[in-house]
């Protein structure tokens, strides 16, 4: 006998495989619901509970990934803005980079005025 028998009645060949425990069950004994065929109500209830838990875990994982992505984008934007402010400020002498250059230029002007006299 090459065919495997139903785990419920043990008389007919198993036609369906239970979606929860993967045992074979015949057409008459199969507990059929929208999620598939099961060997009984117990396996169907376990499968539905697993499906709900898996969906909740997937939603929670997706939310944390989205939060991390938003945080990363925010950090990149803040870095770009800070860099732009620094470059603009450096060109306009906000941070003292041009102070020494202005002092040297003022000294040269004074030296030229002294030489011209």
C-alpha atoms as a PDB file:
ATOM      1  CA  UNK A   1       0.000   0.000   0.000  1.00  0.00           C
ATOM      2  CA  UNK A   2       1.865   3.069  -1.288  1.00  0.00           C
ATOM      3  CA  UNK A   3      -0.760   5.617  -0.326  1.00  0.00           C
ATOM      4  CA  UNK A   4      -0.782   6.973   3.198  1.00  0.00           C
ATOM      5  CA  UNK A   5      -3.969   6.715   5.182  1.00  0.00           C
ATOM      6  CA  UNK A   6      -6.058   9.418   6.860  1.00  0.00           C
ATOM      7  CA  UNK A   7      -4.922  10.174  10.421  1.00  0.00           C
ATOM      8  CA  UNK A   8      -8.529  10.589  11.596  1.00  0.00           C
ATOM      9  CA  UNK A   9     -10.441   7.566  10.229  1.00  0.00           C
ATOM     10  CA  UNK A  10      -7.462   5.375   9.218  1.00  0.00           C
ATOM     11  CA  UNK A  11      -9.645   3.860   6.458  1.00  0.00           C
ATOM     12  CA  UNK A  12      -9.245   6.123   3.423  1.00  0.00           C
ATOM     13  CA  UNK A  13      -6.167   7.531   1.743  1.00  0.00           C
ATOM     14  CA  UNK A  14      -5.186  11.012   2.835  1.00  0.00           C
ATOM     15  CA  UNK A  15      -6.083  13.555   0.190  1.00  0.00           C
ATOM     16  CA  UNK A  16      -5.240  16.789   2.027  1.00  0.00           C
ATOM     17  CA  UNK A  17      -2.335  17.778   4.203  1.00  0.00           C
ATOM     18  CA  UNK A  18      -3.196  19.597   7.424  1.00  0.00           C
ATOM     19  CA  UNK A  19      -1.818  23.152   7.218  1.00  0.00           C
ATOM     20  CA  UNK A  20      -0.795  23.069  10.882  1.00  0.00           C
ATOM     21  CA  UNK A  21       0.644  19.610  11.595  1.00  0.00           C
ATOM     22  CA  UNK A  22       1.120  18.452   7.958  1.00  0.00           C
ATOM     23  CA  UNK A  23      -0.521  15.048   8.532  1.00  0.00           C
ATOM     24  CA  UNK A  24      -2.665  13.550   5.785  1.00  0.00           C
ATOM     25  CA  UNK A  25      -6.442  13.598   6.085  1.00  0.00           C
ATOM     26  CA  UNK A  26      -9.159  12.281   3.772  1.00  0.00           C
ATOM     27  CA  UNK A  27     -11.817  14.427   2.105  1.00  0.00           C
ATOM     28  CA  UNK A  28     -14.589  13.368   4.501  1.00  0.00           C
ATOM     29  CA  UNK A  29     -12.586  13.897   7.707  1.00  0.00           C
ATOM     30  CA  UNK A  30     -10.897  17.157   6.669  1.00  0.00           C
ATOM     31  CA  UNK A  31     -11.937  20.233   8.640  1.00  0.00           C
ATOM     32  CA  UNK A  32     -12.130  22.811   5.836  1.00  0.00           C
ATOM     33  CA  UNK A  33     -12.132  26.553   6.468  1.00  0.00           C
ATOM     34  CA  UNK A  34     -11.103  29.608   4.433  1.00  0.00           C
ATOM     35  CA  UNK A  35      -7.467  29.145   5.539  1.00  0.00           C
ATOM     36  CA  UNK A  36      -7.331  25.600   4.153  1.00  0.00           C
ATOM     37  CA  UNK A  37      -7.874  21.999   5.250  1.00  0.00           C
ATOM     38  CA  UNK A  38      -6.976  20.759   8.730  1.00  0.00           C
ATOM     39  CA  UNK A  39      -7.117  17.432  10.530  1.00  0.00           C
ATOM     40  CA  UNK A  40      -9.384  18.952  13.192  1.00  0.00           C
ATOM     41  CA  UNK A  41     -10.618  22.079  14.971  1.00  0.00           C
ATOM     42  CA  UNK A  42      -7.598  22.073  17.270  1.00  0.00           C
ATOM     43  CA  UNK A  43      -5.114  22.419  14.420  1.00  0.00           C
ATOM     44  CA  UNK A  44      -7.302  25.041  12.716  1.00  0.00           C
ATOM     45  CA  UNK A  45      -7.412  27.121  15.926  1.00  0.00           C
ATOM     46  CA  UNK A  46      -3.634  26.808  16.376  1.00  0.00           C
ATOM     47  CA  UNK A  47      -3.079  27.882  12.779  1.00  0.00           C
ATOM     48  CA  UNK A  48      -5.350  30.936  13.133  1.00  0.00           C
ATOM     49  CA  UNK A  49      -3.612  31.920  16.392  1.00  0.00           C
ATOM     50  CA  UNK A  50      -0.194  31.566  14.735  1.00  0.00           C
ATOM     51  CA  UNK A  51      -1.357  33.585  11.741  1.00  0.00           C
ATOM     52  CA  UNK A  52      -2.587  36.443  13.993  1.00  0.00           C
ATOM     53  CA  UNK A  53       0.622  36.408  16.046  1.00  0.00           C
ATOM     54  CA  UNK A  54       2.752  36.403  12.896  1.00  0.00           C
ATOM     55  CA  UNK A  55       0.779  39.330  11.418  1.00  0.00           C
ATOM     56  CA  UNK A  56       1.150  41.346  14.649  1.00  0.00           C
ATOM     57  CA  UNK A  57       4.890  40.634  14.816  1.00  0.00           C
ATOM     58  CA  UNK A  58       5.289  41.610  11.162  1.00  0.00           C
ATOM     59  CA  UNK A  59       3.437  44.884  11.732  1.00  0.00           C
ATOM     60  CA  UNK A  60       5.572  45.683  14.775  1.00  0.00           C
ATOM     61  CA  UNK A  61       8.768  44.917  12.883  1.00  0.00           C
ATOM     62  CA  UNK A  62       7.648  47.060   9.946  1.00  0.00           C
ATOM     63  CA  UNK A  63       6.911  49.974  12.263  1.00  0.00           C
ATOM     64  CA  UNK A  64      10.336  49.886  13.864  1.00  0.00           C
ATOM     65  CA  UNK A  65      12.030  49.706  10.467  1.00  0.00           C
ATOM     66  CA  UNK A  66      10.033  52.717   9.319  1.00  0.00           C
ATOM     67  CA  UNK A  67      10.975  54.661  12.461  1.00  0.00           C
ATOM     68  CA  UNK A  68      14.644  53.821  11.942  1.00  0.00           C
ATOM     69  CA  UNK A  69      14.430  54.910   8.302  1.00  0.00           C
ATOM     70  CA  UNK A  70      12.804  58.227   9.266  1.00  0.00           C
ATOM     71  CA  UNK A  71      15.486  58.796  11.891  1.00  0.00           C
ATOM     72  CA  UNK A  72      18.233  58.095   9.355  1.00  0.00           C
ATOM     73  CA  UNK A  73      16.706  60.492   6.819  1.00  0.00           C
ATOM     74  CA  UNK A  74      16.368  63.177   9.507  1.00  0.00           C
ATOM     75  CA  UNK A  75      20.012  62.781  10.533  1.00  0.00           C
ATOM     76  CA  UNK A  76      21.190  63.012   6.928  1.00  0.00           C
ATOM     77  CA  UNK A  77      19.125  66.162   6.349  1.00  0.00           C
ATOM     78  CA  UNK A  78      20.399  67.775   9.554  1.00  0.00           C
ATOM     79  CA  UNK A  79      23.983  66.969   8.563  1.00  0.00           C
ATOM     80  CA  UNK A  80      23.470  68.553   5.139  1.00  0.00           C
ATOM     81  CA  UNK A  81      21.885  71.665   6.668  1.00  0.00           C
ATOM     82  CA  UNK A  82      24.653  71.984   9.272  1.00  0.00           C
ATOM     83  CA  UNK A  83      27.287  71.628   6.546  1.00  0.00           C
ATOM     84  CA  UNK A  84      25.617  74.287   4.404  1.00  0.00           C
ATOM     85  CA  UNK A  85      25.382  76.694   7.352  1.00  0.00           C
ATOM     86  CA  UNK A  86      29.048  76.104   8.179  1.00  0.00           C
ATOM     87  CA  UNK A  87      30.202  76.698   4.586  1.00  0.00           C
ATOM     88  CA  UNK A  88      28.069  79.850   4.275  1.00  0.00           C
ATOM     89  CA  UNK A  89      29.219  81.114   7.662  1.00  0.00           C
ATOM     90  CA  UNK A  90      32.869  80.417   6.888  1.00  0.00           C
ATOM     91  CA  UNK A  91      32.643  82.436   3.682  1.00  0.00           C
ATOM     92  CA  UNK A  92      31.153  85.343   5.619  1.00  0.00           C
ATOM     93  CA  UNK A  93      33.506  85.157   8.581  1.00  0.00           C
ATOM     94  CA  UNK A  94      31.009  83.936  11.170  1.00  0.00           C
ATOM     95  CA  UNK A  95      33.483  81.560  12.793  1.00  0.00           C
ATOM     96  CA  UNK A  96      36.647  83.698  12.794  1.00  0.00           C
ATOM     97  CA  UNK A  97      38.282  82.046   9.785  1.00  0.00           C
ATOM     98  CA  UNK A  98      38.694  85.413   7.998  1.00  0.00           C
ATOM     99  CA  UNK A  99      39.774  87.361  11.087  1.00  0.00           C
ATOM    100  CA  UNK A 100      43.471  86.710  10.576  1.00  0.00           C
ATOM    101  CA  UNK A 101      43.200  87.520   6.885  1.00  0.00           C
ATOM    102  CA  UNK A 102      41.471  90.816   7.659  1.00  0.00           C
ATOM    103  CA  UNK A 103      44.137  91.724  10.211  1.00  0.00           C
ATOM    104  CA  UNK A 104      46.927  91.000   7.724  1.00  0.00           C
ATOM    105  CA  UNK A 105      45.135  92.988   5.011  1.00  0.00           C
ATOM    106  CA  UNK A 106      44.685  95.928   7.414  1.00  0.00           C
ATOM    107  CA  UNK A 107      48.418  95.810   8.283  1.00  0.00           C
ATOM    108  CA  UNK A 108      49.308  95.912   4.576  1.00  0.00           C
ATOM    109  CA  UNK A 109      47.040  98.915   4.062  1.00  0.00           C
ATOM    110  CA  UNK A 110      48.725 100.702   6.945  1.00  0.00           C
ATOM    111  CA  UNK A 111      52.181  99.821   5.568  1.00  0.00           C
ATOM    112  CA  UNK A 112      51.209 101.176   2.114  1.00  0.00           C
ATOM    113  CA  UNK A 113      49.920 104.377   3.667  1.00  0.00           C
ATOM    114  CA  UNK A 114      53.209 104.785   5.584  1.00  0.00           C
ATOM    115  CA  UNK A 115      55.250 104.095   2.442  1.00  0.00           C
ATOM    116  CA  UNK A 116      53.199 106.583   0.427  1.00  0.00           C
ATOM    117  CA  UNK A 117      53.976 109.374   2.900  1.00  0.00           C
END
